[in-house]
Amino acid sequence: MAIAQPEQVRHFLVSMKLAVASDRWQLVRRDKNLEDLERLGMTHSDVVCVLQGMTVDDYCDGPLPDDKGRPKEWWVFGPVYAGETLYVKMCLNRFGTVECLSFHLAQTPMTYPLRGGGLS
């Protein structure tokens, strides 16, 4: 587990939110993502709202190196939507586009190292 400093997380979040606001983002079409979005009744706009609403308190892990050797750093967040904790894993690629690899229900409790309590 890599733990970033709060300022690093803030910097990533600002860059990510600017990219999302400019519609420079993509959700990877994985079965788990699509099934959980449907289960939660989430629309494209709902996903954007979750991404735009994330804070340093939602940070869980990263930046993590890409496991396939690509020049990407992955960040993991655990925001809450409709009372459910989500697992969100994303990166900002070299073109300034957000790649959201995972956006689904968390399968295990998330750890929040920059929050007071730690676990949720």
N, C-alpha and C. Protein backbone atom coordinates (compact mmCIF):
# COMPACT_ATOMS: atom_id res chain seq x y z
N MET A 1 0.84 -1.19 0.00
CA MET A 1 0.00 0.00 0.00
C MET A 1 0.88 1.25 0.00
N ALA A 2 0.66 2.11 -0.95
CA ALA A 2 1.37 3.38 -1.02
C ALA A 2 0.46 4.44 -0.41
N ILE A 3 1.00 5.26 0.45
CA ILE A 3 0.20 6.33 1.04
C ILE A 3 0.76 7.67 0.60
N ALA A 4 -0.07 8.43 -0.07
CA ALA A 4 0.34 9.74 -0.55
C ALA A 4 0.13 10.78 0.55
N GLN A 5 0.79 11.89 0.40
CA GLN A 5 0.58 13.03 1.29
C GLN A 5 -0.72 13.73 0.86
N PRO A 6 -1.41 14.38 1.81
CA PRO A 6 -2.67 15.05 1.45
C PRO A 6 -2.53 16.00 0.26
N GLU A 7 -1.40 16.72 0.17
CA GLU A 7 -1.22 17.66 -0.94
C GLU A 7 -1.13 16.93 -2.29
N GLN A 8 -0.50 15.76 -2.31
CA GLN A 8 -0.44 14.96 -3.55
C GLN A 8 -1.84 14.54 -3.97
N VAL A 9 -2.64 14.12 -3.01
CA VAL A 9 -4.01 13.68 -3.31
C VAL A 9 -4.82 14.86 -3.82
N ARG A 10 -4.68 16.02 -3.16
CA ARG A 10 -5.41 17.23 -3.61
C ARG A 10 -5.03 17.57 -5.05
N HIS A 11 -3.73 17.50 -5.36
CA HIS A 11 -3.26 17.82 -6.71
C HIS A 11 -3.89 16.86 -7.73
N PHE A 12 -3.90 15.55 -7.42
CA PHE A 12 -4.52 14.59 -8.33
C PHE A 12 -6.00 14.90 -8.50
N LEU A 13 -6.71 15.15 -7.38
CA LEU A 13 -8.15 15.40 -7.46
C LEU A 13 -8.47 16.64 -8.30
N VAL A 14 -7.68 17.71 -8.15
CA VAL A 14 -7.92 18.91 -8.95
C VAL A 14 -7.73 18.60 -10.42
N SER A 15 -6.65 17.91 -10.77
CA SER A 15 -6.39 17.56 -12.17
C SER A 15 -7.48 16.64 -12.72
N MET A 16 -7.89 15.66 -11.91
CA MET A 16 -8.93 14.72 -12.33
C MET A 16 -10.24 15.46 -12.56
N LYS A 17 -10.62 16.32 -11.63
CA LYS A 17 -11.90 17.04 -11.74
C LYS A 17 -11.92 17.99 -12.93
N LEU A 18 -10.79 18.63 -13.23
CA LEU A 18 -10.71 19.50 -14.41
C LEU A 18 -10.91 18.68 -15.69
N ALA A 19 -10.28 17.50 -15.73
CA ALA A 19 -10.43 16.63 -16.91
C ALA A 19 -11.88 16.16 -17.05
N VAL A 20 -12.50 15.75 -15.94
CA VAL A 20 -13.89 15.28 -15.98
C VAL A 20 -14.81 16.43 -16.41
N ALA A 21 -14.58 17.63 -15.88
CA ALA A 21 -15.40 18.80 -16.25
C ALA A 21 -15.29 19.13 -17.73
N SER A 22 -14.14 18.79 -18.33
CA SER A 22 -13.92 19.02 -19.76
C SER A 22 -14.32 17.80 -20.60
N ASP A 23 -14.97 16.83 -19.96
CA ASP A 23 -15.40 15.59 -20.61
C ASP A 23 -14.23 14.80 -21.19
N ARG A 24 -13.09 14.88 -20.50
CA ARG A 24 -11.91 14.10 -20.88
C ARG A 24 -11.74 12.95 -19.89
N TRP A 25 -12.69 12.03 -19.94
CA TRP A 25 -12.62 10.87 -19.04
C TRP A 25 -13.37 9.72 -19.69
N GLN A 26 -13.01 8.52 -19.24
CA GLN A 26 -13.69 7.33 -19.75
C GLN A 26 -13.79 6.31 -18.65
N LEU A 27 -14.91 5.62 -18.63
CA LEU A 27 -15.11 4.50 -17.72
C LEU A 27 -14.86 3.24 -18.53
N VAL A 28 -13.92 2.43 -18.07
CA VAL A 28 -13.61 1.19 -18.77
C VAL A 28 -14.83 0.27 -18.66
N ARG A 29 -15.25 -0.25 -19.81
CA ARG A 29 -16.47 -1.06 -19.88
C ARG A 29 -16.18 -2.50 -19.43
N ARG A 30 -16.08 -2.66 -18.13
CA ARG A 30 -15.87 -3.99 -17.54
C ARG A 30 -17.21 -4.45 -16.98
N ASP A 31 -17.44 -5.76 -17.01
CA ASP A 31 -18.71 -6.31 -16.52
C ASP A 31 -19.04 -5.84 -15.12
N LYS A 32 -18.06 -5.91 -14.22
CA LYS A 32 -18.29 -5.53 -12.81
C LYS A 32 -18.76 -4.08 -12.72
N ASN A 33 -18.12 -3.17 -13.47
CA ASN A 33 -18.52 -1.76 -13.47
C ASN A 33 -19.95 -1.62 -13.96
N LEU A 34 -20.23 -2.20 -15.11
CA LEU A 34 -21.55 -2.04 -15.72
C LEU A 34 -22.66 -2.67 -14.88
N GLU A 35 -22.40 -3.84 -14.31
CA GLU A 35 -23.41 -4.51 -13.49
C GLU A 35 -23.73 -3.71 -12.23
N ASP A 36 -22.71 -3.18 -11.57
CA ASP A 36 -22.96 -2.43 -10.34
C ASP A 36 -23.59 -1.07 -10.63
N LEU A 37 -23.23 -0.43 -11.74
CA LEU A 37 -23.89 0.82 -12.11
C LEU A 37 -25.39 0.57 -12.33
N GLU A 38 -25.70 -0.53 -12.99
CA GLU A 38 -27.10 -0.87 -13.23
C GLU A 38 -27.80 -1.19 -11.90
N ARG A 39 -27.15 -1.98 -11.06
CA ARG A 39 -27.71 -2.35 -9.75
C ARG A 39 -28.03 -1.10 -8.92
N LEU A 40 -27.14 -0.10 -8.98
CA LEU A 40 -27.33 1.13 -8.21
C LEU A 40 -28.23 2.14 -8.93
N GLY A 41 -28.58 1.84 -10.19
CA GLY A 41 -29.41 2.77 -10.96
C GLY A 41 -28.68 4.05 -11.33
N MET A 42 -27.35 3.97 -11.48
CA MET A 42 -26.54 5.16 -11.76
C MET A 42 -26.49 5.49 -13.25
N THR A 43 -26.61 6.76 -13.53
CA THR A 43 -26.48 7.26 -14.90
C THR A 43 -25.07 7.84 -15.09
N HIS A 44 -24.78 8.21 -16.31
CA HIS A 44 -23.51 8.88 -16.63
C HIS A 44 -23.35 10.11 -15.74
N SER A 45 -24.41 10.89 -15.60
CA SER A 45 -24.36 12.10 -14.77
C SER A 45 -24.08 11.78 -13.30
N ASP A 46 -24.62 10.67 -12.81
CA ASP A 46 -24.37 10.27 -11.43
C ASP A 46 -22.89 9.95 -11.22
N VAL A 47 -22.29 9.26 -12.18
CA VAL A 47 -20.86 8.93 -12.09
C VAL A 47 -20.05 10.22 -12.06
N VAL A 48 -20.38 11.16 -12.93
CA VAL A 48 -19.68 12.45 -12.96
C VAL A 48 -19.81 13.15 -11.61
N CYS A 49 -21.01 13.14 -11.03
CA CYS A 49 -21.22 13.78 -9.72
C CYS A 49 -20.37 13.12 -8.64
N VAL A 50 -20.27 11.80 -8.66
CA VAL A 50 -19.43 11.11 -7.67
C VAL A 50 -17.97 11.51 -7.85
N LEU A 51 -17.49 11.49 -9.09
CA LEU A 51 -16.10 11.86 -9.35
C LEU A 51 -15.82 13.31 -8.93
N GLN A 52 -16.73 14.21 -9.27
CA GLN A 52 -16.55 15.63 -8.95
C GLN A 52 -16.66 15.89 -7.44
N GLY A 53 -17.35 15.01 -6.73
CA GLY A 53 -17.55 15.21 -5.31
C GLY A 53 -16.50 14.57 -4.41
N MET A 54 -15.56 13.84 -5.00
CA MET A 54 -14.57 13.15 -4.18
C MET A 54 -13.62 14.14 -3.51
N THR A 55 -13.20 13.78 -2.28
CA THR A 55 -12.30 14.62 -1.50
C THR A 55 -11.11 13.80 -1.01
N VAL A 56 -10.18 14.46 -0.37
CA VAL A 56 -9.03 13.79 0.22
C VAL A 56 -9.49 12.72 1.20
N ASP A 57 -10.60 12.95 1.89
CA ASP A 57 -11.13 11.95 2.84
C ASP A 57 -11.51 10.64 2.16
N ASP A 58 -11.81 10.66 0.86
CA ASP A 58 -12.18 9.45 0.12
C ASP A 58 -10.97 8.65 -0.35
N TYR A 59 -9.78 9.21 -0.20
CA TYR A 59 -8.55 8.57 -0.66
C TYR A 59 -8.29 7.27 0.11
N CYS A 60 -7.90 6.23 -0.64
CA CYS A 60 -7.57 4.93 -0.03
C CYS A 60 -6.15 4.48 -0.32
N ASP A 61 -5.66 4.68 -1.56
CA ASP A 61 -4.36 4.12 -1.93
C ASP A 61 -3.83 4.81 -3.18
N GLY A 62 -2.51 4.78 -3.32
CA GLY A 62 -1.88 5.29 -4.52
C GLY A 62 -0.96 6.46 -4.20
N PRO A 63 -0.22 6.88 -5.22
CA PRO A 63 -0.23 6.35 -6.59
C PRO A 63 0.46 4.99 -6.67
N LEU A 64 -0.15 4.10 -7.42
CA LEU A 64 0.35 2.74 -7.60
C LEU A 64 0.87 2.57 -9.02
N PRO A 65 2.00 1.88 -9.20
CA PRO A 65 2.49 1.64 -10.56
C PRO A 65 1.54 0.72 -11.32
N ASP A 66 1.52 0.87 -12.61
CA ASP A 66 0.69 0.02 -13.46
C ASP A 66 1.25 -1.40 -13.46
N ASP A 67 0.40 -2.38 -13.27
CA ASP A 67 0.88 -3.78 -13.20
C ASP A 67 1.25 -4.36 -14.55
N LYS A 68 1.00 -3.61 -15.62
CA LYS A 68 1.39 -4.07 -16.96
C LYS A 68 2.56 -3.25 -17.52
N GLY A 69 3.17 -2.43 -16.66
CA GLY A 69 4.34 -1.67 -17.07
C GLY A 69 4.06 -0.43 -17.88
N ARG A 70 2.78 -0.06 -18.04
CA ARG A 70 2.44 1.16 -18.79
C ARG A 70 2.80 2.38 -17.94
N PRO A 71 3.03 3.52 -18.58
CA PRO A 71 3.40 4.73 -17.83
C PRO A 71 2.17 5.38 -17.18
N LYS A 72 1.58 4.68 -16.22
CA LYS A 72 0.37 5.17 -15.53
C LYS A 72 0.55 4.99 -14.04
N GLU A 73 -0.06 5.89 -13.28
CA GLU A 73 -0.10 5.77 -11.83
C GLU A 73 -1.58 5.70 -11.43
N TRP A 74 -1.94 4.65 -10.72
CA TRP A 74 -3.33 4.42 -10.34
C TRP A 74 -3.60 4.93 -8.93
N TRP A 75 -4.77 5.48 -8.76
CA TRP A 75 -5.23 6.01 -7.48
C TRP A 75 -6.53 5.29 -7.12
N VAL A 76 -6.70 4.98 -5.83
CA VAL A 76 -7.89 4.28 -5.36
C VAL A 76 -8.62 5.16 -4.35
N PHE A 77 -9.93 5.29 -4.55
CA PHE A 77 -10.78 6.08 -3.67
C PHE A 77 -12.00 5.23 -3.28
N GLY A 78 -12.60 5.59 -2.18
CA GLY A 78 -13.78 4.87 -1.69
C GLY A 78 -14.92 5.80 -1.34
N PRO A 79 -15.47 6.53 -2.33
CA PRO A 79 -16.59 7.42 -2.04
C PRO A 79 -17.86 6.62 -1.73
N VAL A 80 -18.82 7.30 -1.12
CA VAL A 80 -20.10 6.67 -0.80
C VAL A 80 -21.17 7.24 -1.73
N TYR A 81 -21.99 6.35 -2.28
CA TYR A 81 -23.11 6.76 -3.13
C TYR A 81 -24.34 6.01 -2.65
N ALA A 82 -25.40 6.73 -2.33
CA ALA A 82 -26.66 6.13 -1.88
C ALA A 82 -26.43 5.14 -0.73
N GLY A 83 -25.54 5.51 0.17
CA GLY A 83 -25.27 4.68 1.33
C GLY A 83 -24.36 3.49 1.07
N GLU A 84 -23.87 3.35 -0.15
CA GLU A 84 -22.99 2.22 -0.53
C GLU A 84 -21.58 2.73 -0.80
N THR A 85 -20.59 2.02 -0.27
CA THR A 85 -19.20 2.39 -0.53
C THR A 85 -18.78 1.84 -1.89
N LEU A 86 -18.20 2.72 -2.69
CA LEU A 86 -17.73 2.34 -4.02
C LEU A 86 -16.21 2.16 -4.00
N TYR A 87 -15.73 1.33 -4.91
CA TYR A 87 -14.30 1.16 -5.16
C TYR A 87 -14.03 1.84 -6.50
N VAL A 88 -13.26 2.92 -6.46
CA VAL A 88 -12.96 3.68 -7.67
C VAL A 88 -11.44 3.70 -7.86
N LYS A 89 -11.00 3.12 -8.98
CA LYS A 89 -9.56 3.09 -9.30
C LYS A 89 -9.38 3.79 -10.64
N MET A 90 -8.53 4.81 -10.65
CA MET A 90 -8.36 5.60 -11.88
C MET A 90 -6.97 6.17 -11.98
N CYS A 91 -6.68 6.65 -13.19
CA CYS A 91 -5.42 7.33 -13.43
C CYS A 91 -5.68 8.51 -14.37
N LEU A 92 -4.71 9.37 -14.41
CA LEU A 92 -4.71 10.47 -15.38
C LEU A 92 -3.63 10.10 -16.37
N ASN A 93 -4.01 9.78 -17.62
CA ASN A 93 -3.00 9.30 -18.57
C ASN A 93 -2.17 10.45 -19.15
N ARG A 94 -1.21 10.10 -19.98
CA ARG A 94 -0.27 11.11 -20.51
C ARG A 94 -0.95 12.13 -21.43
N PHE A 95 -2.19 11.85 -21.83
CA PHE A 95 -2.93 12.79 -22.67
C PHE A 95 -3.84 13.70 -21.84
N GLY A 96 -3.79 13.52 -20.50
CA GLY A 96 -4.62 14.33 -19.62
C GLY A 96 -6.06 13.83 -19.52
N THR A 97 -6.27 12.57 -19.89
CA THR A 97 -7.60 11.96 -19.82
C THR A 97 -7.66 11.04 -18.60
N VAL A 98 -8.77 11.09 -17.90
CA VAL A 98 -8.98 10.21 -16.76
C VAL A 98 -9.44 8.85 -17.27
N GLU A 99 -8.75 7.81 -16.88
CA GLU A 99 -9.17 6.44 -17.18
C GLU A 99 -9.67 5.84 -15.87
N CYS A 100 -10.95 5.55 -15.82
CA CYS A 100 -11.56 4.98 -14.63
C CYS A 100 -11.68 3.47 -14.86
N LEU A 101 -10.72 2.73 -14.33
CA LEU A 101 -10.65 1.29 -14.54
C LEU A 101 -11.70 0.55 -13.72
N SER A 102 -11.92 1.01 -12.49
CA SER A 102 -12.89 0.38 -11.60
C SER A 102 -13.84 1.43 -11.05
N PHE A 103 -15.11 1.13 -11.11
CA PHE A 103 -16.15 1.97 -10.51
C PHE A 103 -17.28 1.02 -10.18
N HIS A 104 -17.18 0.42 -8.98
CA HIS A 104 -18.16 -0.59 -8.58
C HIS A 104 -18.26 -0.64 -7.07
N LEU A 105 -19.17 -1.43 -6.56
CA LEU A 105 -19.32 -1.59 -5.12
C LEU A 105 -18.04 -2.18 -4.54
N ALA A 106 -17.64 -1.67 -3.37
CA ALA A 106 -16.46 -2.20 -2.69
C ALA A 106 -16.77 -3.62 -2.23
N GLN A 107 -15.84 -4.53 -2.44
CA GLN A 107 -16.05 -5.92 -2.06
C GLN A 107 -15.52 -6.23 -0.66
N THR A 108 -14.65 -5.36 -0.16
CA THR A 108 -14.10 -5.49 1.19
C THR A 108 -14.11 -4.10 1.82
N PRO A 109 -13.99 -4.01 3.14
CA PRO A 109 -13.93 -2.68 3.76
C PRO A 109 -12.76 -1.87 3.20
N MET A 110 -13.00 -0.61 2.98
CA MET A 110 -11.97 0.28 2.43
C MET A 110 -11.21 0.92 3.59
N THR A 111 -9.92 1.16 3.38
CA THR A 111 -9.07 1.82 4.37
C THR A 111 -8.83 3.25 3.90
N TYR A 112 -9.02 4.20 4.81
CA TYR A 112 -8.88 5.62 4.51
C TYR A 112 -7.75 6.21 5.36
N PRO A 113 -6.51 6.12 4.89
CA PRO A 113 -5.36 6.52 5.71
C PRO A 113 -5.30 8.01 6.05
N LEU A 114 -6.00 8.85 5.30
CA LEU A 114 -5.93 10.29 5.56
C LEU A 114 -7.13 10.79 6.36
N ARG A 115 -7.99 9.88 6.78
CA ARG A 115 -9.12 10.20 7.65
C ARG A 115 -8.72 9.92 9.08
N GLY A 116 -9.41 10.52 9.99
CA GLY A 116 -9.13 10.31 11.40
C GLY A 116 -9.25 8.86 11.84
N GLY A 117 -10.34 8.17 11.46
CA GLY A 117 -10.59 6.83 11.94
C GLY A 117 -9.88 5.73 11.17
N GLY A 118 -9.60 5.93 9.89
CA GLY A 118 -8.90 4.93 9.10
C GLY A 118 -9.80 4.00 8.30
N LEU A 119 -10.68 3.23 8.96
CA LEU A 119 -11.52 2.26 8.24
C LEU A 119 -12.95 2.75 8.06
N SER A 120 -13.59 2.22 7.02
CA SER A 120 -15.02 2.47 6.83
C SER A 120 -15.62 1.28 6.12
